[in-house]
Protein backbone atom coordinates (compact mmCIF):
# COMPACT_ATOMS: atom_id res chain seq x y z
CA MET A 1 -22.17 -6.40 -6.23
CA PHE A 2 -22.51 -4.35 -9.41
CA ASN A 3 -20.56 -6.38 -11.98
CA SER A 4 -21.91 -4.91 -15.23
CA PHE A 5 -20.93 -1.82 -17.20
CA GLY A 6 -22.80 -0.06 -20.00
CA ASN A 7 -26.34 0.26 -21.30
CA LEU A 8 -27.03 -0.86 -24.88
CA LEU A 9 -23.52 -2.32 -24.95
CA ARG A 10 -23.06 -4.14 -21.66
CA LEU A 11 -20.05 -5.95 -20.20
CA THR A 12 -20.50 -8.24 -17.21
CA THR A 13 -17.27 -9.53 -15.67
CA PHE A 14 -16.53 -12.40 -13.29
CA GLY A 15 -13.57 -14.00 -11.55
CA GLU A 16 -11.02 -13.22 -8.85
CA SER A 17 -7.28 -12.60 -8.81
CA HIS A 18 -6.42 -16.11 -7.63
CA GLY A 19 -9.46 -17.96 -8.95
CA GLN A 20 -9.45 -20.25 -11.96
CA ALA A 21 -10.06 -17.51 -14.50
CA ILE A 22 -11.21 -13.98 -15.28
CA GLY A 23 -14.01 -13.74 -17.79
CA GLY A 24 -16.91 -11.78 -19.14
CA VAL A 25 -20.05 -11.61 -21.23
CA ILE A 26 -20.58 -8.77 -23.71
CA ASP A 27 -24.21 -8.22 -24.62
CA GLY A 28 -25.52 -5.84 -27.27
CA TYR A 29 -22.45 -5.95 -29.52
CA PRO A 30 -23.42 -5.20 -33.13
CA SER A 31 -23.66 -8.18 -35.47
CA GLY A 32 -21.63 -8.72 -38.62
CA VAL A 33 -18.39 -7.16 -37.37
CA LYS A 34 -15.23 -8.98 -38.44
CA ILE A 35 -13.44 -9.88 -35.21
CA ASP A 36 -9.65 -9.71 -35.29
CA VAL A 37 -8.78 -12.08 -32.46
CA ASP A 38 -5.07 -11.29 -32.87
CA PHE A 39 -5.80 -7.62 -32.18
CA VAL A 40 -7.73 -8.53 -29.03
CA GLN A 41 -4.74 -10.57 -27.86
CA GLU A 42 -2.36 -7.71 -28.62
CA GLU A 43 -4.45 -5.43 -26.42
CA LEU A 44 -4.29 -7.99 -23.60
CA ASN A 45 -0.52 -8.19 -24.05
CA ARG A 46 -0.30 -4.45 -23.44
CA ARG A 47 -2.01 -4.94 -20.07
CA ARG A 48 -0.43 -8.24 -19.02
CA PRO A 49 1.96 -8.45 -16.05
CA GLY A 50 5.66 -9.16 -16.41
CA GLN A 51 6.09 -7.06 -19.55
CA SER A 52 9.01 -4.98 -18.21
CA ALA A 53 11.33 -4.52 -15.24
CA ILE A 54 9.00 -1.86 -13.77
CA THR A 55 5.90 -4.06 -13.62
CA THR A 56 4.88 -6.97 -11.40
CA SER A 57 6.76 -10.19 -12.08
CA ARG A 58 3.56 -12.26 -12.07
CA ASN A 59 3.82 -14.34 -15.24
CA GLU A 60 0.43 -14.66 -16.91
CA GLY A 61 -0.01 -15.53 -20.58
CA ASP A 62 -3.44 -13.87 -20.60
CA LYS A 63 -4.65 -15.86 -23.60
CA VAL A 64 -8.28 -15.10 -24.39
CA ASN A 65 -10.66 -17.94 -25.24
CA PHE A 66 -13.94 -16.89 -26.87
CA LEU A 67 -16.85 -19.18 -26.02
CA SER A 68 -19.80 -17.68 -27.90
CA GLY A 69 -21.10 -14.85 -30.04
CA ILE A 70 -18.56 -15.21 -32.87
CA PHE A 71 -19.13 -17.42 -35.91
CA GLU A 72 -16.87 -17.70 -38.96
CA GLY A 73 -14.92 -14.70 -37.77
CA ARG A 74 -17.89 -12.36 -37.33
CA SER A 75 -19.99 -11.25 -34.39
CA THR A 76 -23.46 -12.78 -34.48
CA GLY A 77 -25.30 -10.32 -32.23
CA ALA A 78 -25.53 -12.99 -29.51
CA PRO A 79 -23.74 -12.52 -26.19
CA ILE A 80 -19.96 -12.82 -26.58
CA GLY A 81 -18.62 -14.97 -23.77
CA PHE A 82 -14.91 -15.33 -23.03
CA VAL A 83 -12.44 -16.49 -20.37
CA VAL A 84 -8.79 -15.80 -19.59
CA SER A 85 -7.20 -18.40 -17.31
CA ASN A 86 -5.16 -17.52 -14.23
CA GLU A 87 -1.95 -19.55 -14.43
CA ASP A 88 0.60 -18.05 -12.01
CA GLN A 89 -1.12 -17.53 -8.68
CA ARG A 90 0.95 -17.64 -5.51
CA SER A 91 -1.74 -17.57 -2.86
CA ASP A 92 0.71 -18.43 -0.07
CA ASP A 93 2.22 -14.97 -0.48
CA TYR A 94 -0.99 -13.62 1.07
CA SER A 95 -1.43 -16.05 3.97
CA ALA A 96 -0.04 -13.56 6.51
CA MET A 97 -2.62 -11.01 5.41
CA LYS A 98 -5.70 -13.15 5.94
CA TYR A 99 -6.58 -11.60 9.30
CA VAL A 100 -5.02 -8.15 8.87
CA HIS A 101 -6.44 -4.94 7.39
CA ARG A 102 -3.96 -3.74 4.78
CA PRO A 103 -3.64 0.08 4.73
CA SER A 104 -5.56 1.75 1.87
CA HIS A 105 -6.78 -1.59 0.46
CA ALA A 106 -10.35 -2.84 0.07
CA ASP A 107 -9.89 -5.45 2.84
CA PHE A 108 -11.61 -3.52 5.63
CA VAL A 109 -14.64 -2.29 3.68
CA TYR A 110 -15.20 -5.63 1.90
CA ARG A 111 -15.16 -7.52 5.20
CA SER A 112 -17.43 -4.94 6.81
CA LYS A 113 -19.93 -4.93 3.94
CA TYR A 114 -20.04 -8.60 2.89
CA GLY A 115 -18.80 -10.43 5.98
CA ILE A 116 -16.29 -12.39 3.90
CA TYR A 117 -13.21 -11.43 1.89
CA ASP A 118 -10.95 -13.30 -0.52
CA HIS A 119 -7.57 -12.08 0.69
CA ARG A 120 -5.60 -13.86 -2.06
CA GLY A 121 -4.34 -11.02 -4.18
CA GLY A 122 -7.35 -8.91 -3.30
CA GLY A 123 -9.88 -11.29 -4.83
CA ARG A 124 -12.53 -9.39 -6.76
CA ALA A 125 -10.98 -6.04 -5.76
CA SER A 126 -7.78 -6.90 -7.63
CA ALA A 127 -6.82 -5.10 -10.83
CA ARG A 128 -6.68 -8.57 -12.34
CA GLU A 129 -10.39 -8.03 -13.04
CA THR A 130 -9.46 -5.44 -15.68
CA VAL A 131 -8.43 -8.28 -18.02
CA ALA A 132 -12.12 -8.59 -18.93
CA ARG A 133 -12.41 -4.85 -19.52
CA VAL A 134 -9.52 -4.91 -21.99
CA VAL A 135 -11.21 -7.70 -23.98
CA GLY A 136 -14.45 -5.69 -24.06
CA GLY A 137 -12.55 -2.55 -25.00
CA ALA A 138 -10.66 -4.29 -27.79
CA LEU A 139 -13.94 -5.45 -29.34
CA ALA A 140 -15.33 -1.93 -28.98
CA LYS A 141 -12.24 -0.52 -30.71
CA ILE A 142 -12.76 -2.90 -33.62
CA ALA A 143 -16.34 -1.67 -34.08
CA LEU A 144 -15.32 2.00 -33.69
CA SER A 145 -12.56 1.62 -36.28
CA LYS A 146 -15.29 0.92 -38.87
CA ILE A 147 -16.52 4.48 -38.37
CA ASN A 148 -13.04 6.05 -38.07
CA ILE A 149 -13.06 6.69 -34.33
CA SER A 150 -9.67 6.11 -32.70
CA ILE A 151 -8.58 6.20 -29.07
CA HIS A 152 -5.04 6.80 -27.81
CA ALA A 153 -4.06 6.91 -24.14
CA TYR A 154 -0.57 7.58 -22.84
CA THR A 155 1.36 8.32 -19.66
CA SER A 156 1.61 12.07 -19.20
CA GLN A 157 3.03 12.19 -15.67
CA ILE A 158 4.79 9.97 -13.12
CA GLY A 159 5.28 11.55 -9.71
CA ASN A 160 6.40 15.11 -10.46
CA ILE A 161 7.85 14.25 -13.89
CA SER A 162 5.50 15.53 -16.60
CA MET A 163 5.41 15.68 -20.38
CA GLU A 164 6.10 19.11 -21.77
CA GLY A 165 3.74 20.73 -24.23
CA HIS A 166 0.37 19.73 -25.67
CA TYR A 167 -0.61 16.23 -26.77
CA LYS A 168 -0.80 17.52 -30.35
CA ASP A 169 2.96 18.11 -30.20
CA TYR A 170 3.57 14.35 -30.10
CA ASP A 171 2.85 11.23 -32.12
CA LEU A 172 0.81 9.39 -29.53
CA GLU A 173 1.59 6.04 -31.11
CA ASP A 174 5.19 6.56 -29.94
CA ALA A 175 3.91 5.86 -26.43
CA GLU A 176 4.23 2.14 -27.19
CA CYS A 177 7.96 2.52 -27.83
CA ASN A 178 8.96 2.55 -24.16
CA ALA A 179 8.08 0.76 -20.92
CA VAL A 180 6.22 3.68 -19.32
CA ARG A 181 4.10 4.43 -22.41
CA CYS A 182 4.99 8.11 -22.64
CA PRO A 183 5.27 9.62 -26.16
CA ASP A 184 8.01 12.03 -24.98
CA PRO A 185 11.18 9.85 -25.12
CA LYS A 186 13.25 12.14 -22.88
CA LYS A 187 10.59 12.29 -20.17
CA ALA A 188 9.89 8.58 -20.59
CA ALA A 189 13.50 7.77 -19.69
CA GLU A 190 13.28 9.98 -16.60
CA MET A 191 10.00 8.36 -15.57
CA GLU A 192 11.39 4.85 -15.98
CA ARG A 193 14.46 5.66 -13.88
CA TYR A 194 12.28 7.19 -11.18
CA ILE A 195 9.94 4.18 -11.01
CA ALA A 196 12.97 1.86 -10.75
CA GLN A 197 14.36 4.00 -7.92
CA VAL A 198 11.06 3.97 -6.02
CA GLN A 199 10.80 0.20 -6.55
CA LYS A 200 14.29 -0.31 -5.13
CA GLU A 201 13.23 1.65 -2.03
CA GLY A 202 10.31 -0.73 -1.52
CA ASP A 203 7.82 2.03 -2.25
CA THR A 204 5.35 2.95 -5.00
CA ILE A 205 4.41 6.04 -7.01
CA GLY A 206 1.37 7.35 -8.90
CA GLY A 207 0.82 9.35 -12.05
CA ILE A 208 -1.55 10.54 -14.76
CA VAL A 209 -2.86 8.94 -17.96
CA GLY A 210 -4.03 11.24 -20.75
CA CYS A 211 -6.47 10.05 -23.42
CA VAL A 212 -7.53 11.47 -26.78
CA ILE A 213 -10.58 10.26 -28.75
CA LYS A 214 -10.47 11.33 -32.40
CA GLY A 215 -13.25 11.16 -34.97
CA SER A 216 -16.27 11.34 -32.66
CA PRO A 217 -19.25 12.91 -34.41
CA ILE A 218 -21.28 15.80 -33.08
CA GLY A 219 -24.10 14.62 -30.85
CA LEU A 220 -22.85 11.82 -28.60
CA GLY A 221 -24.32 12.25 -25.12
CA GLN A 222 -27.65 13.16 -23.60
CA PRO A 223 -28.69 16.30 -21.67
CA VAL A 224 -28.84 16.39 -17.87
CA PHE A 225 -28.18 12.88 -16.52
CA GLY A 226 -26.76 11.24 -19.65
CA LYS A 227 -23.86 13.60 -20.21
CA LEU A 228 -20.95 12.10 -22.12
CA HIS A 229 -18.26 13.47 -19.81
CA ALA A 230 -20.12 12.19 -16.74
CA GLN A 231 -20.22 8.67 -18.16
CA LEU A 232 -16.56 8.82 -19.18
CA GLY A 233 -15.74 9.98 -15.66
CA ALA A 234 -17.72 7.12 -14.13
CA ALA A 235 -15.96 4.65 -16.43
CA MET A 236 -12.50 5.93 -15.53
CA LEU A 237 -13.13 6.15 -11.81
CA SER A 238 -14.24 2.52 -11.81
CA ILE A 239 -10.65 1.51 -12.64
CA ASN A 240 -8.55 0.33 -9.71
CA ALA A 241 -6.38 3.07 -8.11
CA ALA A 242 -8.06 5.88 -10.11
CA LYS A 243 -8.44 8.95 -7.90
CA GLY A 244 -9.32 11.81 -10.23
CA PHE A 245 -10.84 12.66 -13.61
CA GLU A 246 -10.83 15.88 -15.62
CA TYR A 247 -11.69 16.68 -19.22
CA GLY A 248 -10.64 19.60 -21.37
CA SER A 249 -8.92 22.28 -19.33
CA GLY A 250 -10.30 20.63 -16.17
CA PHE A 251 -9.03 21.95 -12.84
CA ARG A 252 -6.70 24.34 -14.66
CA SER A 253 -9.82 26.33 -15.58
CA VAL A 254 -10.34 27.75 -12.11
CA ASP A 255 -7.80 30.57 -12.37
CA LYS A 256 -8.83 31.57 -15.90
CA LYS A 257 -11.33 34.15 -17.05
CA GLY A 258 -14.19 33.33 -19.41
CA SER A 259 -12.56 35.46 -22.07
CA GLU A 260 -9.47 33.27 -21.85
CA LEU A 261 -11.27 29.93 -21.82
CA ASN A 262 -14.19 30.28 -24.26
CA ASP A 263 -13.83 28.24 -27.46
CA LEU A 264 -14.65 30.66 -30.29
CA PHE A 265 -16.50 29.33 -33.33
CA PHE A 266 -15.54 29.80 -37.00
CA LYS A 267 -16.57 28.33 -40.34
CA ASP A 268 -14.02 25.99 -41.91
CA LYS A 269 -14.78 24.62 -45.41
CA GLY A 270 -18.49 24.49 -44.74
CA SER A 271 -18.22 23.10 -41.20
CA ILE A 272 -18.50 24.90 -37.87
CA ARG A 273 -15.39 24.43 -35.71
CA THR A 274 -13.68 26.09 -32.76
CA HIS A 275 -10.27 27.76 -32.70
CA THR A 276 -9.42 26.16 -29.36
CA ASN A 277 -10.58 23.07 -27.49
CA HIS A 278 -10.63 24.04 -23.82
CA SER A 279 -13.97 22.22 -23.63
CA GLY A 280 -12.27 18.90 -24.33
CA GLY A 281 -14.60 18.08 -27.21
CA ILE A 282 -17.73 18.11 -25.05
CA GLN A 283 -20.16 20.98 -24.45
CA GLY A 284 -23.37 20.67 -22.50
CA GLY A 285 -22.58 16.99 -22.02
CA ILE A 286 -22.66 16.39 -25.81
CA SER A 287 -19.71 15.84 -28.15
CA ASN A 288 -19.02 18.78 -30.46
CA GLY A 289 -16.91 17.04 -33.11
CA GLN A 290 -13.53 18.15 -31.75
CA ASP A 291 -11.02 15.82 -30.11
CA ILE A 292 -12.34 14.47 -26.81
CA PHE A 293 -9.52 14.86 -24.32
CA PHE A 294 -9.37 13.84 -20.66
CA ARG A 295 -6.91 12.86 -17.93
CA VAL A 296 -7.09 10.27 -15.17
CA ALA A 297 -5.03 10.43 -11.97
CA PHE A 298 -3.85 7.17 -10.38
CA LYS A 299 -2.65 6.85 -6.80
CA PRO A 300 0.48 4.89 -5.75
CA VAL A 301 -0.11 1.15 -5.29
CA ALA A 302 -1.17 0.54 -1.70
CA THR A 303 1.01 -2.55 -1.21
CA ILE A 304 4.55 -1.44 -0.36
CA GLY A 305 7.65 -3.25 0.84
CA LEU A 306 7.97 -1.03 3.91
CA GLU A 307 6.64 -1.88 7.36
CA GLN A 308 3.43 -0.08 8.31
CA GLU A 309 1.20 0.02 11.37
CA THR A 310 -2.29 -1.45 11.14
CA VAL A 311 -4.75 -3.62 13.07
CA THR A 312 -6.02 -7.18 12.80
CA VAL A 313 -9.64 -8.02 12.04
CA ASP A 314 -10.10 -8.13 15.83
CA GLY A 315 -8.72 -4.61 16.20
CA LYS A 316 -5.36 -5.57 17.72
CA LYS A 317 -2.38 -3.42 16.83
CA THR A 318 0.15 -5.03 14.52
CA THR A 319 2.48 -4.20 11.67
CA ILE A 320 2.46 -5.36 8.08
CA LYS A 321 4.94 -5.45 5.23
CA GLY A 322 3.85 -6.12 1.67
CA HIS A 323 4.57 -9.51 0.15
CA GLY A 324 3.75 -10.93 -3.22
CA ARG A 325 4.31 -9.41 -6.65
CA HIS A 326 3.06 -5.89 -7.23
CA ASP A 327 3.60 -3.00 -9.63
CA PRO A 328 5.67 -0.12 -8.26
CA CYS A 329 3.49 2.08 -10.49
CA VAL A 330 0.18 1.10 -12.11
CA VAL A 331 0.19 3.87 -14.69
CA PRO A 332 1.97 2.15 -17.64
CA ARG A 333 -0.37 -0.87 -17.47
CA ALA A 334 -3.40 1.38 -16.87
CA VAL A 335 -2.99 2.97 -20.33
CA PRO A 336 -4.74 0.14 -22.26
CA ILE A 337 -7.41 -0.09 -19.53
CA VAL A 338 -8.23 3.61 -19.92
CA GLU A 339 -8.50 3.09 -23.68
CA ALA A 340 -10.75 0.08 -23.16
CA MET A 341 -13.18 1.88 -20.85
CA ALA A 342 -13.27 4.89 -23.19
CA ALA A 343 -13.95 2.65 -26.21
CA MET A 344 -16.86 0.86 -24.55
CA THR A 345 -18.34 4.17 -23.36
CA ILE A 346 -18.14 5.78 -26.81
CA LEU A 347 -19.53 2.72 -28.60
CA ASP A 348 -22.39 2.51 -26.10
CA PHE A 349 -23.34 6.15 -26.78
CA HIS A 350 -22.86 5.69 -30.51
CA MET A 351 -25.38 2.85 -30.55
CA TYR A 352 -28.04 5.23 -29.22
CA GLU A 353 -27.53 7.54 -32.17
CA PHE A 354 -26.78 5.36 -35.19
CA ALA A 355 -27.96 2.10 -36.75
CA ARG A 356 -25.90 -1.08 -36.59
CA GLU A 357 -25.43 -0.99 -40.39
CA LEU A 358 -22.56 1.45 -39.83
CA PHE A 359 -20.54 -1.37 -38.30
CA PHE A 360 -21.55 -4.23 -40.59
CA ASP A 361 -18.87 -5.44 -43.01
CA ARG A 362 -20.67 -6.36 -46.19
């Protein structure tokens, strides 16, 4: 399996949903950065289960334990190892699924490819693995904050309920004021009611996470095969349940003319800027200094409380009904994961272009 992400900054994760722990090793992190462990924990708390009535009831503390790479509160440049224990597994909830292919899950392809599959909560295919990504992303955010790069993701759509207007019309930090993480309070209330309704029906629903990266300099990204938007897309599509990625005007560009979509340049106080940002802050695969903006579509959770037809591992017809504890909608908890993957991607590119002294706290 491919268990590592990144190039100069590299995160390798390990662990399964119902194993002893989820953990990771971060290699290439710049030395001398003051590590705010409380901030890392706060980021994990944003992802953790059981945080509201519209998330899974699995009760995990998700307390991070750093094993290496940090000394006297600073990163040393050595690999940063960490673990987060699993404390509330209920493996018996999955016993009936051991020999059945669950619709739209990884069961069938994992068994076919590897000849063995940990059915307890999805094993390695579980979104529980994203715990390690959030730790890596939190550390990346800390380094990026030293150079004034900030990342804010938010829920922009649940089902057919969408935010109105542009992201600049909102204070994106307000997304943390409600359970669905939408900065539009009116739409957030509608979204929360809809998720609760779908949950009561034993079903699930999908949605869209928007993300804005502010403060990126001109020049992040490489021509041809190292394009910044391609790497951001790869990072986002590696997240469980992600089904689509677009940046800038994205798929809404197809019915526009070039004259409507071109970002026109002008000089502003000695700097070259654009009047609009249909490009999403990236042109030719390289950041242009404007806000980097993208959206990620997430499908409904595949485990539902309704009976469905399927087959056993031997191909015999059967039916299955979801058991265990699952989110009726992954989108609210996906918000910090999107931020984490974006942060690691941007920091990785930044380390190609700039010396580590930019991050060092003297």
